[in-house]
């Protein structure tokens, strides 16, 4: 079993069917992204926490380039698309993480929108 799949099962055991069915880590992050939005709307803190832990692992030196690219393109670039979720960024990410992920956030945002997101994040 691949490391990315094993780690996904560790952090998101309730997502087993989707994890085992994913052909690639990139595809998995697309699936996680969709389910993450539903988890935020329904208040499923277990899924939110598991996703954020898997995100941190995916960007670590232990994950490999494929996992890093997948989470950056399949999740971080997409997560900013729903402005309703911006209010949660300060609880999801530390300041250091927010700054680290900004490069991915900016792909989906204009300069003005990135400034607005940054203002919302630091207004906490």
PDB file of N, CA and C in Angstrom:
ATOM      1  N   UNK A   1       0.854  -1.186   0.000  1.00  0.00           N
ATOM      2  CA  UNK A   1       0.000   0.000   0.000  1.00  0.00           C
ATOM      3  C   UNK A   1       0.891   1.236   0.000  1.00  0.00           C
ATOM      4  N   UNK A   2       0.515   2.219  -0.814  1.00  0.00           N
ATOM      5  CA  UNK A   2       1.302   3.443  -0.902  1.00  0.00           C
ATOM      6  C   UNK A   2       1.254   4.219   0.417  1.00  0.00           C
ATOM      7  N   UNK A   3       2.290   4.993   0.644  1.00  0.00           N
ATOM      8  CA  UNK A   3       2.361   5.789   1.870  1.00  0.00           C
ATOM      9  C   UNK A   3       1.232   6.801   1.924  1.00  0.00           C
ATOM     10  N   UNK A   4       0.939   7.478   0.804  1.00  0.00           N
ATOM     11  CA  UNK A   4      -0.118   8.488   0.808  1.00  0.00           C
ATOM     12  C   UNK A   4      -1.471   7.871   1.158  1.00  0.00           C
ATOM     13  N   UNK A   5      -1.692   6.652   0.700  1.00  0.00           N
ATOM     14  CA  UNK A   5      -2.969   5.987   1.003  1.00  0.00           C
ATOM     15  C   UNK A   5      -3.013   5.551   2.468  1.00  0.00           C
ATOM     16  N   UNK A   6      -1.898   5.013   2.959  1.00  0.00           N
ATOM     17  CA  UNK A   6      -1.830   4.579   4.357  1.00  0.00           C
ATOM     18  C   UNK A   6      -2.049   5.764   5.298  1.00  0.00           C
ATOM     19  N   UNK A   7      -1.413   6.894   4.991  1.00  0.00           N
ATOM     20  CA  UNK A   7      -1.573   8.086   5.837  1.00  0.00           C
ATOM     21  C   UNK A   7      -2.999   8.630   5.752  1.00  0.00           C
ATOM     22  N   UNK A   8      -3.588   8.598   4.577  1.00  0.00           N
ATOM     23  CA  UNK A   8      -4.978   9.049   4.430  1.00  0.00           C
ATOM     24  C   UNK A   8      -5.901   8.206   5.294  1.00  0.00           C
ATOM     25  N   UNK A   9      -5.686   6.890   5.298  1.00  0.00           N
ATOM     26  CA  UNK A   9      -6.501   6.016   6.140  1.00  0.00           C
ATOM     27  C   UNK A   9      -6.283   6.293   7.625  1.00  0.00           C
ATOM     28  N   UNK A  10      -5.064   6.662   7.977  1.00  0.00           N
ATOM     29  CA  UNK A  10      -4.766   6.993   9.376  1.00  0.00           C
ATOM     30  C   UNK A  10      -5.530   8.236   9.817  1.00  0.00           C
ATOM     31  N   UNK A  11      -5.544   9.256   8.973  1.00  0.00           N
ATOM     32  CA  UNK A  11      -6.167  10.527   9.350  1.00  0.00           C
ATOM     33  C   UNK A  11      -7.660  10.600   9.040  1.00  0.00           C
ATOM     34  N   UNK A  12      -8.110   9.831   8.052  1.00  0.00           N
ATOM     35  CA  UNK A  12      -9.507   9.885   7.625  1.00  0.00           C
ATOM     36  C   UNK A  12     -10.096   8.473   7.497  1.00  0.00           C
ATOM     37  N   UNK A  13     -10.108   7.720   8.586  1.00  0.00           N
ATOM     38  CA  UNK A  13     -10.587   6.330   8.496  1.00  0.00           C
ATOM     39  C   UNK A  13     -12.031   6.218   8.023  1.00  0.00           C
ATOM     40  N   UNK A  14     -12.849   7.218   8.293  1.00  0.00           N
ATOM     41  CA  UNK A  14     -14.243   7.192   7.871  1.00  0.00           C
ATOM     42  C   UNK A  14     -14.388   7.373   6.358  1.00  0.00           C
ATOM     43  N   UNK A  15     -13.297   7.667   5.672  1.00  0.00           N
ATOM     44  CA  UNK A  15     -13.280   7.916   4.234  1.00  0.00           C
ATOM     45  C   UNK A  15     -12.654   6.728   3.485  1.00  0.00           C
ATOM     46  N   UNK A  16     -12.649   5.574   4.131  1.00  0.00           N
ATOM     47  CA  UNK A  16     -11.947   4.378   3.629  1.00  0.00           C
ATOM     48  C   UNK A  16     -12.324   4.021   2.191  1.00  0.00           C
ATOM     49  N   UNK A  17     -13.599   3.986   1.881  1.00  0.00           N
ATOM     50  CA  UNK A  17     -14.035   3.575   0.546  1.00  0.00           C
ATOM     51  C   UNK A  17     -13.428   4.492  -0.518  1.00  0.00           C
ATOM     52  N   UNK A  18     -13.478   5.789  -0.280  1.00  0.00           N
ATOM     53  CA  UNK A  18     -12.952   6.748  -1.240  1.00  0.00           C
ATOM     54  C   UNK A  18     -11.430   6.652  -1.339  1.00  0.00           C
ATOM     55  N   UNK A  19     -10.773   6.460  -0.208  1.00  0.00           N
ATOM     56  CA  UNK A  19      -9.311   6.350  -0.189  1.00  0.00           C
ATOM     57  C   UNK A  19      -8.875   5.110  -0.961  1.00  0.00           C
ATOM     58  N   UNK A  20      -9.509   3.996  -0.685  1.00  0.00           N
ATOM     59  CA  UNK A  20      -9.137   2.754  -1.355  1.00  0.00           C
ATOM     60  C   UNK A  20      -9.499   2.780  -2.840  1.00  0.00           C
ATOM     61  N   UNK A  21     -10.493   3.568  -3.204  1.00  0.00           N
ATOM     62  CA  UNK A  21     -10.917   3.650  -4.600  1.00  0.00           C
ATOM     63  C   UNK A  21     -10.167   4.677  -5.427  1.00  0.00           C
ATOM     64  N   UNK A  22      -9.388   5.521  -4.786  1.00  0.00           N
ATOM     65  CA  UNK A  22      -8.666   6.580  -5.503  1.00  0.00           C
ATOM     66  C   UNK A  22      -7.487   5.989  -6.278  1.00  0.00           C
ATOM     67  N   UNK A  23      -7.427   6.293  -7.556  1.00  0.00           N
ATOM     68  CA  UNK A  23      -6.324   5.813  -8.393  1.00  0.00           C
ATOM     69  C   UNK A  23      -5.024   6.564  -8.115  1.00  0.00           C
ATOM     70  N   UNK A  24      -5.155   7.831  -7.760  1.00  0.00           N
ATOM     71  CA  UNK A  24      -3.979   8.666  -7.492  1.00  0.00           C
ATOM     72  C   UNK A  24      -4.242   9.545  -6.284  1.00  0.00           C
ATOM     73  N   UNK A  25      -3.192  10.068  -5.709  1.00  0.00           N
ATOM     74  CA  UNK A  25      -3.338  10.989  -4.579  1.00  0.00           C
ATOM     75  C   UNK A  25      -4.005  12.288  -5.042  1.00  0.00           C
ATOM     76  N   UNK A  26      -3.774  12.674  -6.277  1.00  0.00           N
ATOM     77  CA  UNK A  26      -4.437  13.865  -6.812  1.00  0.00           C
ATOM     78  C   UNK A  26      -5.944  13.699  -6.859  1.00  0.00           C
ATOM     79  N   UNK A  27      -6.375  12.541  -7.334  1.00  0.00           N
ATOM     80  CA  UNK A  27      -7.805  12.259  -7.373  1.00  0.00           C
ATOM     81  C   UNK A  27      -8.379  12.233  -5.961  1.00  0.00           C
ATOM     82  N   UNK A  28      -7.626  11.668  -5.021  1.00  0.00           N
ATOM     83  CA  UNK A  28      -8.096  11.619  -3.636  1.00  0.00           C
ATOM     84  C   UNK A  28      -8.319  13.016  -3.088  1.00  0.00           C
ATOM     85  N   UNK A  29      -7.395  13.935  -3.367  1.00  0.00           N
ATOM     86  CA  UNK A  29      -7.561  15.292  -2.845  1.00  0.00           C
ATOM     87  C   UNK A  29      -8.768  16.009  -3.455  1.00  0.00           C
ATOM     88  N   UNK A  30      -9.112  15.691  -4.677  1.00  0.00           N
ATOM     89  CA  UNK A  30     -10.330  16.250  -5.275  1.00  0.00           C
ATOM     90  C   UNK A  30     -11.544  15.728  -4.511  1.00  0.00           C
ATOM     91  N   UNK A  31     -11.543  14.442  -4.187  1.00  0.00           N
ATOM     92  CA  UNK A  31     -12.633  13.839  -3.418  1.00  0.00           C
ATOM     93  C   UNK A  31     -12.701  14.423  -2.000  1.00  0.00           C
ATOM     94  N   UNK A  32     -11.544  14.571  -1.378  1.00  0.00           N
ATOM     95  CA  UNK A  32     -11.497  15.144  -0.027  1.00  0.00           C
ATOM     96  C   UNK A  32     -12.036  16.564  -0.050  1.00  0.00           C
ATOM     97  N   UNK A  33     -11.623  17.335  -1.043  1.00  0.00           N
ATOM     98  CA  UNK A  33     -12.055  18.727  -1.142  1.00  0.00           C
ATOM     99  C   UNK A  33     -13.573  18.840  -1.170  1.00  0.00           C
ATOM    100  N   UNK A  34     -14.200  18.034  -2.002  1.00  0.00           N
ATOM    101  CA  UNK A  34     -15.658  18.054  -2.099  1.00  0.00           C
ATOM    102  C   UNK A  34     -16.303  17.686  -0.766  1.00  0.00           C
ATOM    103  N   UNK A  35     -15.806  16.638  -0.144  1.00  0.00           N
ATOM    104  CA  UNK A  35     -16.365  16.204   1.136  1.00  0.00           C
ATOM    105  C   UNK A  35     -16.047  17.177   2.265  1.00  0.00           C
ATOM    106  N   UNK A  36     -14.921  17.869   2.166  1.00  0.00           N
ATOM    107  CA  UNK A  36     -14.542  18.843   3.177  1.00  0.00           C
ATOM    108  C   UNK A  36     -15.573  19.974   3.244  1.00  0.00           C
ATOM    109  N   UNK A  37     -16.016  20.442   2.081  1.00  0.00           N
ATOM    110  CA  UNK A  37     -17.013  21.516   2.062  1.00  0.00           C
ATOM    111  C   UNK A  37     -18.302  21.072   2.741  1.00  0.00           C
ATOM    112  N   UNK A  38     -18.705  19.840   2.500  1.00  0.00           N
ATOM    113  CA  UNK A  38     -19.901  19.320   3.162  1.00  0.00           C
ATOM    114  C   UNK A  38     -19.671  19.183   4.667  1.00  0.00           C
ATOM    115  N   UNK A  39     -18.477  18.799   5.053  1.00  0.00           N
ATOM    116  CA  UNK A  39     -18.145  18.656   6.476  1.00  0.00           C
ATOM    117  C   UNK A  39     -18.216  20.007   7.180  1.00  0.00           C
ATOM    118  N   UNK A  40     -17.744  21.049   6.513  1.00  0.00           N
ATOM    119  CA  UNK A  40     -17.807  22.393   7.107  1.00  0.00           C
ATOM    120  C   UNK A  40     -19.260  22.817   7.270  1.00  0.00           C
ATOM    121  N   UNK A  41     -20.049  22.589   6.245  1.00  0.00           N
ATOM    122  CA  UNK A  41     -21.463  22.981   6.298  1.00  0.00           C
ATOM    123  C   UNK A  41     -22.230  22.206   7.372  1.00  0.00           C
ATOM    124  N   UNK A  42     -21.887  20.943   7.569  1.00  0.00           N
ATOM    125  CA  UNK A  42     -22.620  20.117   8.539  1.00  0.00           C
ATOM    126  C   UNK A  42     -21.979  20.108   9.928  1.00  0.00           C
ATOM    127  N   UNK A  43     -20.795  20.737  10.059  1.00  0.00           N
ATOM    128  CA  UNK A  43     -20.121  20.776  11.354  1.00  0.00           C
ATOM    129  C   UNK A  43     -19.428  19.476  11.724  1.00  0.00           C
ATOM    130  N   UNK A  44     -19.014  18.694  10.733  1.00  0.00           N
ATOM    131  CA  UNK A  44     -18.323  17.425  10.974  1.00  0.00           C
ATOM    132  C   UNK A  44     -16.860  17.691  11.319  1.00  0.00           C
ATOM    133  N   UNK A  45     -16.617  18.004  12.584  1.00  0.00           N
ATOM    134  CA  UNK A  45     -15.285  18.391  13.027  1.00  0.00           C
ATOM    135  C   UNK A  45     -14.259  17.273  12.876  1.00  0.00           C
ATOM    136  N   UNK A  46     -14.685  16.030  13.004  1.00  0.00           N
ATOM    137  CA  UNK A  46     -13.755  14.903  12.818  1.00  0.00           C
ATOM    138  C   UNK A  46     -13.180  14.888  11.407  1.00  0.00           C
ATOM    139  N   UNK A  47     -14.032  15.093  10.409  1.00  0.00           N
ATOM    140  CA  UNK A  47     -13.551  15.098   9.031  1.00  0.00           C
ATOM    141  C   UNK A  47     -12.674  16.322   8.771  1.00  0.00           C
ATOM    142  N   UNK A  48     -13.074  17.453   9.297  1.00  0.00           N
ATOM    143  CA  UNK A  48     -12.279  18.679   9.135  1.00  0.00           C
ATOM    144  C   UNK A  48     -10.900  18.483   9.750  1.00  0.00           C
ATOM    145  N   UNK A  49     -10.854  18.008  10.985  1.00  0.00           N
ATOM    146  CA  UNK A  49      -9.564  17.804  11.662  1.00  0.00           C
ATOM    147  C   UNK A  49      -8.696  16.783  10.937  1.00  0.00           C
ATOM    148  N   UNK A  50      -9.298  15.682  10.503  1.00  0.00           N
ATOM    149  CA  UNK A  50      -8.547  14.667   9.781  1.00  0.00           C
ATOM    150  C   UNK A  50      -7.979  15.198   8.473  1.00  0.00           C
ATOM    151  N   UNK A  51      -8.784  15.984   7.773  1.00  0.00           N
ATOM    152  CA  UNK A  51      -8.331  16.576   6.519  1.00  0.00           C
ATOM    153  C   UNK A  51      -7.149  17.500   6.757  1.00  0.00           C
ATOM    154  N   UNK A  52      -7.239  18.325   7.782  1.00  0.00           N
ATOM    155  CA  UNK A  52      -6.159  19.272   8.060  1.00  0.00           C
ATOM    156  C   UNK A  52      -4.888  18.552   8.500  1.00  0.00           C
ATOM    157  N   UNK A  53      -5.023  17.471   9.231  1.00  0.00           N
ATOM    158  CA  UNK A  53      -3.842  16.671   9.605  1.00  0.00           C
ATOM    159  C   UNK A  53      -3.217  16.023   8.375  1.00  0.00           C
ATOM    160  N   UNK A  54      -4.058  15.520   7.488  1.00  0.00           N
ATOM    161  CA  UNK A  54      -3.551  14.911   6.263  1.00  0.00           C
ATOM    162  C   UNK A  54      -2.895  15.961   5.364  1.00  0.00           C
ATOM    163  N   UNK A  55      -3.454  17.150   5.351  1.00  0.00           N
ATOM    164  CA  UNK A  55      -2.866  18.261   4.603  1.00  0.00           C
ATOM    165  C   UNK A  55      -1.451  18.550   5.114  1.00  0.00           C
ATOM    166  N   UNK A  56      -1.311  18.650   6.423  1.00  0.00           N
ATOM    167  CA  UNK A  56       0.008  18.937   7.014  1.00  0.00           C
ATOM    168  C   UNK A  56       0.992  17.831   6.661  1.00  0.00           C
ATOM    169  N   UNK A  57       0.569  16.571   6.782  1.00  0.00           N
ATOM    170  CA  UNK A  57       1.460  15.469   6.415  1.00  0.00           C
ATOM    171  C   UNK A  57       1.811  15.536   4.924  1.00  0.00           C
ATOM    172  N   UNK A  58       0.817  15.837   4.084  1.00  0.00           N
ATOM    173  CA  UNK A  58       1.036  15.860   2.640  1.00  0.00           C
ATOM    174  C   UNK A  58       2.044  16.921   2.214  1.00  0.00           C
ATOM    175  N   UNK A  59       2.186  17.960   3.008  1.00  0.00           N
ATOM    176  CA  UNK A  59       3.147  19.020   2.699  1.00  0.00           C
ATOM    177  C   UNK A  59       4.468  18.846   3.437  1.00  0.00           C
ATOM    178  N   UNK A  60       4.586  17.772   4.190  1.00  0.00           N
ATOM    179  CA  UNK A  60       5.821  17.523   4.938  1.00  0.00           C
ATOM    180  C   UNK A  60       6.880  16.885   4.042  1.00  0.00           C
ATOM    181  N   UNK A  61       8.103  16.861   4.533  1.00  0.00           N
ATOM    182  CA  UNK A  61       9.201  16.237   3.796  1.00  0.00           C
ATOM    183  C   UNK A  61       9.012  14.729   3.668  1.00  0.00           C
ATOM    184  N   UNK A  62       8.180  14.140   4.496  1.00  0.00           N
ATOM    185  CA  UNK A  62       7.959  12.687   4.474  1.00  0.00           C
ATOM    186  C   UNK A  62       7.005  12.223   3.373  1.00  0.00           C
ATOM    187  N   UNK A  63       6.284  13.152   2.767  1.00  0.00           N
ATOM    188  CA  UNK A  63       5.204  12.761   1.865  1.00  0.00           C
ATOM    189  C   UNK A  63       5.629  12.517   0.422  1.00  0.00           C
ATOM    190  N   UNK A  64       6.586  13.245  -0.060  1.00  0.00           N
ATOM    191  CA  UNK A  64       6.989  13.134  -1.458  1.00  0.00           C
ATOM    192  C   UNK A  64       6.342  14.200  -2.323  1.00  0.00           C
ATOM    193  N   UNK A  65       6.925  14.419  -3.486  1.00  0.00           N
ATOM    194  CA  UNK A  65       6.465  15.497  -4.374  1.00  0.00           C
ATOM    195  C   UNK A  65       5.053  15.284  -4.907  1.00  0.00           C
ATOM    196  N   UNK A  66       4.698  14.051  -5.188  1.00  0.00           N
ATOM    197  CA  UNK A  66       3.358  13.785  -5.727  1.00  0.00           C
ATOM    198  C   UNK A  66       2.275  14.228  -4.737  1.00  0.00           C
ATOM    199  N   UNK A  67       2.452  13.910  -3.473  1.00  0.00           N
ATOM    200  CA  UNK A  67       1.473  14.301  -2.448  1.00  0.00           C
ATOM    201  C   UNK A  67       1.454  15.810  -2.255  1.00  0.00           C
ATOM    202  N   UNK A  68       2.620  16.424  -2.265  1.00  0.00           N
ATOM    203  CA  UNK A  68       2.695  17.888  -2.103  1.00  0.00           C
ATOM    204  C   UNK A  68       1.962  18.596  -3.234  1.00  0.00           C
ATOM    205  N   UNK A  69       2.228  18.166  -4.446  1.00  0.00           N
ATOM    206  CA  UNK A  69       1.577  18.768  -5.608  1.00  0.00           C
ATOM    207  C   UNK A  69       0.067  18.541  -5.567  1.00  0.00           C
ATOM    208  N   UNK A  70      -0.330  17.351  -5.174  1.00  0.00           N
ATOM    209  CA  UNK A  70      -1.755  17.012  -5.139  1.00  0.00           C
ATOM    210  C   UNK A  70      -2.523  17.880  -4.154  1.00  0.00           C
ATOM    211  N   UNK A  71      -1.995  18.057  -2.951  1.00  0.00           N
ATOM    212  CA  UNK A  71      -2.709  18.864  -1.958  1.00  0.00           C
ATOM    213  C   UNK A  71      -2.688  20.343  -2.344  1.00  0.00           C
ATOM    214  N   UNK A  72      -1.602  20.785  -2.933  1.00  0.00           N
ATOM    215  CA  UNK A  72      -1.523  22.192  -3.349  1.00  0.00           C
ATOM    216  C   UNK A  72      -2.541  22.493  -4.444  1.00  0.00           C
ATOM    217  N   UNK A  73      -2.605  21.614  -5.451  1.00  0.00           N
ATOM    218  CA  UNK A  73      -3.507  21.840  -6.594  1.00  0.00           C
ATOM    219  C   UNK A  73      -4.927  21.353  -6.340  1.00  0.00           C
ATOM    220  N   UNK A  74      -5.065  20.250  -5.623  1.00  0.00           N
ATOM    221  CA  UNK A  74      -6.377  19.650  -5.442  1.00  0.00           C
ATOM    222  C   UNK A  74      -7.153  20.138  -4.241  1.00  0.00           C
ATOM    223  N   UNK A  75      -6.498  20.891  -3.378  1.00  0.00           N
ATOM    224  CA  UNK A  75      -7.191  21.349  -2.173  1.00  0.00           C
ATOM    225  C   UNK A  75      -6.919  22.824  -1.876  1.00  0.00           C
ATOM    226  N   UNK A  76      -5.666  23.180  -1.687  1.00  0.00           N
ATOM    227  CA  UNK A  76      -5.353  24.553  -1.276  1.00  0.00           C
ATOM    228  C   UNK A  76      -5.745  25.591  -2.318  1.00  0.00           C
ATOM    229  N   UNK A  77      -5.548  25.281  -3.596  1.00  0.00           N
ATOM    230  CA  UNK A  77      -5.959  26.231  -4.633  1.00  0.00           C
ATOM    231  C   UNK A  77      -7.463  26.371  -4.674  1.00  0.00           C
ATOM    232  N   UNK A  78      -8.164  25.336  -4.290  1.00  0.00           N
ATOM    233  CA  UNK A  78      -9.620  25.300  -4.388  1.00  0.00           C
ATOM    234  C   UNK A  78     -10.327  25.823  -3.133  1.00  0.00           C
ATOM    235  N   UNK A  79      -9.690  25.702  -2.002  1.00  0.00           N
ATOM    236  CA  UNK A  79     -10.357  25.992  -0.728  1.00  0.00           C
ATOM    237  C   UNK A  79     -10.795  27.458  -0.597  1.00  0.00           C
ATOM    238  N   UNK A  80     -10.124  28.332  -1.313  1.00  0.00           N
ATOM    239  CA  UNK A  80     -10.466  29.753  -1.223  1.00  0.00           C
ATOM    240  C   UNK A  80     -11.689  30.117  -2.051  1.00  0.00           C
ATOM    241  N   UNK A  81     -12.172  29.201  -2.870  1.00  0.00           N
ATOM    242  CA  UNK A  81     -13.272  29.521  -3.782  1.00  0.00           C
ATOM    243  C   UNK A  81     -14.592  29.803  -3.063  1.00  0.00           C
ATOM    244  N   UNK A  82     -14.726  29.337  -1.843  1.00  0.00           N
ATOM    245  CA  UNK A  82     -15.954  29.575  -1.092  1.00  0.00           C
ATOM    246  C   UNK A  82     -15.675  30.608   0.009  1.00  0.00           C
ATOM    247  N   UNK A  83     -16.073  31.831  -0.245  1.00  0.00           N
ATOM    248  CA  UNK A  83     -15.805  32.925   0.700  1.00  0.00           C
ATOM    249  C   UNK A  83     -16.402  32.679   2.093  1.00  0.00           C
ATOM    250  N   UNK A  84     -17.476  31.896   2.162  1.00  0.00           N
ATOM    251  CA  UNK A  84     -18.082  31.603   3.466  1.00  0.00           C
ATOM    252  C   UNK A  84     -17.090  30.893   4.385  1.00  0.00           C
ATOM    253  N   UNK A  85     -16.129  30.203   3.797  1.00  0.00           N
ATOM    254  CA  UNK A  85     -15.174  29.442   4.594  1.00  0.00           C
ATOM    255  C   UNK A  85     -13.977  30.269   5.050  1.00  0.00           C
ATOM    256  N   UNK A  86     -13.810  31.444   4.492  1.00  0.00           N
ATOM    257  CA  UNK A  86     -12.673  32.281   4.863  1.00  0.00           C
ATOM    258  C   UNK A  86     -12.647  32.562   6.361  1.00  0.00           C
ATOM    259  N   UNK A  87     -13.815  32.710   6.954  1.00  0.00           N
ATOM    260  CA  UNK A  87     -13.901  33.017   8.385  1.00  0.00           C
ATOM    261  C   UNK A  87     -13.278  31.917   9.252  1.00  0.00           C
ATOM    262  N   UNK A  88     -13.158  30.710   8.721  1.00  0.00           N
ATOM    263  CA  UNK A  88     -12.612  29.589   9.475  1.00  0.00           C
ATOM    264  C   UNK A  88     -11.099  29.430   9.320  1.00  0.00           C
ATOM    265  N   UNK A  89     -10.519  30.119   8.365  1.00  0.00           N
ATOM    266  CA  UNK A  89      -9.097  29.920   8.085  1.00  0.00           C
ATOM    267  C   UNK A  89      -8.236  30.131   9.327  1.00  0.00           C
ATOM    268  N   UNK A  90      -8.597  31.096  10.146  1.00  0.00           N
ATOM    269  CA  UNK A  90      -7.769  31.375  11.335  1.00  0.00           C
ATOM    270  C   UNK A  90      -7.864  30.253  12.378  1.00  0.00           C
ATOM    271  N   UNK A  91      -8.897  29.440  12.315  1.00  0.00           N
ATOM    272  CA  UNK A  91      -8.956  28.278  13.207  1.00  0.00           C
ATOM    273  C   UNK A  91      -8.350  27.038  12.544  1.00  0.00           C
ATOM    274  N   UNK A  92      -8.303  27.017  11.230  1.00  0.00           N
ATOM    275  CA  UNK A  92      -7.737  25.884  10.518  1.00  0.00           C
ATOM    276  C   UNK A  92      -6.227  25.962  10.388  1.00  0.00           C
ATOM    277  N   UNK A  93      -5.694  27.180  10.259  1.00  0.00           N
ATOM    278  CA  UNK A  93      -4.274  27.354   9.959  1.00  0.00           C
ATOM    279  C   UNK A  93      -3.601  28.298  10.952  1.00  0.00           C
ATOM    280  N   UNK A  94      -2.370  27.983  11.307  1.00  0.00           N
ATOM    281  CA  UNK A  94      -1.566  28.921  12.084  1.00  0.00           C
ATOM    282  C   UNK A  94      -1.135  30.047  11.139  1.00  0.00           C
ATOM    283  N   UNK A  95      -0.589  31.094  11.700  1.00  0.00           N
ATOM    284  CA  UNK A  95      -0.086  32.191  10.850  1.00  0.00           C
ATOM    285  C   UNK A  95       1.006  31.692   9.916  1.00  0.00           C
ATOM    286  N   UNK A  96       1.894  30.861  10.424  1.00  0.00           N
ATOM    287  CA  UNK A  96       2.982  30.325   9.598  1.00  0.00           C
ATOM    288  C   UNK A  96       2.421  29.466   8.461  1.00  0.00           C
ATOM    289  N   UNK A  97       1.428  28.641   8.753  1.00  0.00           N
ATOM    290  CA  UNK A  97       0.818  27.813   7.710  1.00  0.00           C
ATOM    291  C   UNK A  97       0.126  28.682   6.671  1.00  0.00           C
ATOM    292  N   UNK A  98      -0.624  29.674   7.131  1.00  0.00           N
ATOM    293  CA  UNK A  98      -1.322  30.561   6.211  1.00  0.00           C
ATOM    294  C   UNK A  98      -0.326  31.201   5.241  1.00  0.00           C
ATOM    295  N   UNK A  99       0.770  31.690   5.768  1.00  0.00           N
ATOM    296  CA  UNK A  99       1.790  32.319   4.921  1.00  0.00           C
ATOM    297  C   UNK A  99       2.412  31.293   3.975  1.00  0.00           C
ATOM    298  N   UNK A 100       2.640  30.093   4.456  1.00  0.00           N
ATOM    299  CA  UNK A 100       3.200  29.032   3.622  1.00  0.00           C
ATOM    300  C   UNK A 100       2.255  28.664   2.483  1.00  0.00           C
ATOM    301  N   UNK A 101       0.966  28.634   2.747  1.00  0.00           N
ATOM    302  CA  UNK A 101      -0.028  28.197   1.773  1.00  0.00           C
ATOM    303  C   UNK A 101      -0.500  29.319   0.845  1.00  0.00           C
ATOM    304  N   UNK A 102      -0.131  30.548   1.145  1.00  0.00           N
ATOM    305  CA  UNK A 102      -0.597  31.696   0.364  1.00  0.00           C
ATOM    306  C   UNK A 102      -0.309  31.532  -1.125  1.00  0.00           C
ATOM    307  N   UNK A 103       0.835  30.951  -1.444  1.00  0.00           N
ATOM    308  CA  UNK A 103       1.179  30.749  -2.845  1.00  0.00           C
ATOM    309  C   UNK A 103       0.135  29.910  -3.570  1.00  0.00           C
ATOM    310  N   UNK A 104      -0.418  28.935  -2.896  1.00  0.00           N
ATOM    311  CA  UNK A 104      -1.474  28.107  -3.496  1.00  0.00           C
ATOM    312  C   UNK A 104      -2.809  28.840  -3.493  1.00  0.00           C
ATOM    313  N   UNK A 105      -3.099  29.561  -2.415  1.00  0.00           N
ATOM    314  CA  UNK A 105      -4.361  30.301  -2.339  1.00  0.00           C
ATOM    315  C   UNK A 105      -4.493  31.284  -3.504  1.00  0.00           C
ATOM    316  N   UNK A 106      -3.380  31.922  -3.847  1.00  0.00           N
ATOM    317  CA  UNK A 106      -3.430  33.014  -4.818  1.00  0.00           C
ATOM    318  C   UNK A 106      -3.768  32.551  -6.241  1.00  0.00           C
ATOM    319  N   UNK A 107      -3.638  31.269  -6.533  1.00  0.00           N
ATOM    320  CA  UNK A 107      -3.968  30.793  -7.872  1.00  0.00           C
ATOM    321  C   UNK A 107      -5.438  30.979  -8.202  1.00  0.00           C
ATOM    322  N   UNK A 108      -6.298  30.900  -7.209  1.00  0.00           N
ATOM    323  CA  UNK A 108      -7.737  31.005  -7.437  1.00  0.00           C
ATOM    324  C   UNK A 108      -8.275  32.409  -7.173  1.00  0.00           C
ATOM    325  N   UNK A 109      -7.412  33.323  -6.737  1.00  0.00           N
ATOM    326  CA  UNK A 109      -7.874  34.646  -6.323  1.00  0.00           C
ATOM    327  C   UNK A 109      -7.187  35.760  -7.098  1.00  0.00           C
ATOM    328  N   UNK A 110      -7.886  36.849  -7.236  1.00  0.00           N
ATOM    329  CA  UNK A 110      -7.255  38.064  -7.760  1.00  0.00           C
ATOM    330  C   UNK A 110      -6.403  38.658  -6.639  1.00  0.00           C
ATOM    331  N   UNK A 111      -5.579  39.625  -6.950  1.00  0.00           N
ATOM    332  CA  UNK A 111      -4.778  40.291  -5.918  1.00  0.00           C
ATOM    333  C   UNK A 111      -5.678  40.920  -4.861  1.00  0.00           C
ATOM    334  N   UNK A 112      -6.779  41.517  -5.310  1.00  0.00           N
ATOM    335  CA  UNK A 112      -7.730  42.141  -4.378  1.00  0.00           C
ATOM    336  C   UNK A 112      -8.345  41.096  -3.448  1.00  0.00           C
ATOM    337  N   UNK A 113      -8.750  39.967  -4.011  1.00  0.00           N
ATOM    338  CA  UNK A 113      -9.358  38.902  -3.195  1.00  0.00           C
ATOM    339  C   UNK A 113      -8.352  38.309  -2.215  1.00  0.00           C
ATOM    340  N   UNK A 114      -7.103  38.150  -2.642  1.00  0.00           N
ATOM    341  CA  UNK A 114      -6.077  37.634  -1.728  1.00  0.00           C
ATOM    342  C   UNK A 114      -5.873  38.603  -0.566  1.00  0.00           C
ATOM    343  N   UNK A 115      -5.893  39.894  -0.849  1.00  0.00           N
ATOM    344  CA  UNK A 115      -5.769  40.879   0.229  1.00  0.00           C
ATOM    345  C   UNK A 115      -6.963  40.781   1.172  1.00  0.00           C
ATOM    346  N   UNK A 116      -8.163  40.611   0.618  1.00  0.00           N
ATOM    347  CA  UNK A 116      -9.360  40.466   1.455  1.00  0.00           C
ATOM    348  C   UNK A 116      -9.256  39.229   2.341  1.00  0.00           C
ATOM    349  N   UNK A 117      -8.834  38.110   1.764  1.00  0.00           N
ATOM    350  CA  UNK A 117      -8.656  36.883   2.551  1.00  0.00           C
ATOM    351  C   UNK A 117      -7.626  37.086   3.651  1.00  0.00           C
ATOM    352  N   UNK A 118      -6.537  37.725   3.321  1.00  0.00           N
ATOM    353  CA  UNK A 118      -5.485  37.991   4.308  1.00  0.00           C
ATOM    354  C   UNK A 118      -6.009  38.883   5.426  1.00  0.00           C
ATOM    355  N   UNK A 119      -6.794  39.895   5.061  1.00  0.00           N
ATOM    356  CA  UNK A 119      -7.386  40.783   6.071  1.00  0.00           C
ATOM    357  C   UNK A 119      -8.332  40.003   6.991  1.00  0.00           C
ATOM    358  N   UNK A 120      -9.152  39.131   6.411  1.00  0.00           N
ATOM    359  CA  UNK A 120     -10.069  38.312   7.212  1.00  0.00           C
ATOM    360  C   UNK A 120      -9.259  37.409   8.154  1.00  0.00           C
ATOM    361  N   UNK A 121      -8.225  36.788   7.627  1.00  0.00           N
ATOM    362  CA  UNK A 121      -7.408  35.875   8.446  1.00  0.00           C
ATOM    363  C   UNK A 121      -6.775  36.599   9.622  1.00  0.00           C
ATOM    364  N   UNK A 122      -6.167  37.749   9.368  1.00  0.00           N
ATOM    365  CA  UNK A 122      -5.443  38.445  10.429  1.00  0.00           C
ATOM    366  C   UNK A 122      -6.327  39.306  11.318  1.00  0.00           C
ATOM    367  N   UNK A 123      -7.617  39.393  11.004  1.00  0.00           N
ATOM    368  CA  UNK A 123      -8.541  40.153  11.836  1.00  0.00           C
ATOM    369  C   UNK A 123      -8.920  39.413  13.106  1.00  0.00           C
ATOM    370  N   UNK A 124      -8.495  38.175  13.216  1.00  0.00           N
ATOM    371  CA  UNK A 124      -8.876  37.367  14.374  1.00  0.00           C
ATOM    372  C   UNK A 124      -8.435  38.033  15.594  1.00  0.00           C
TER     373      UNK A 124
END
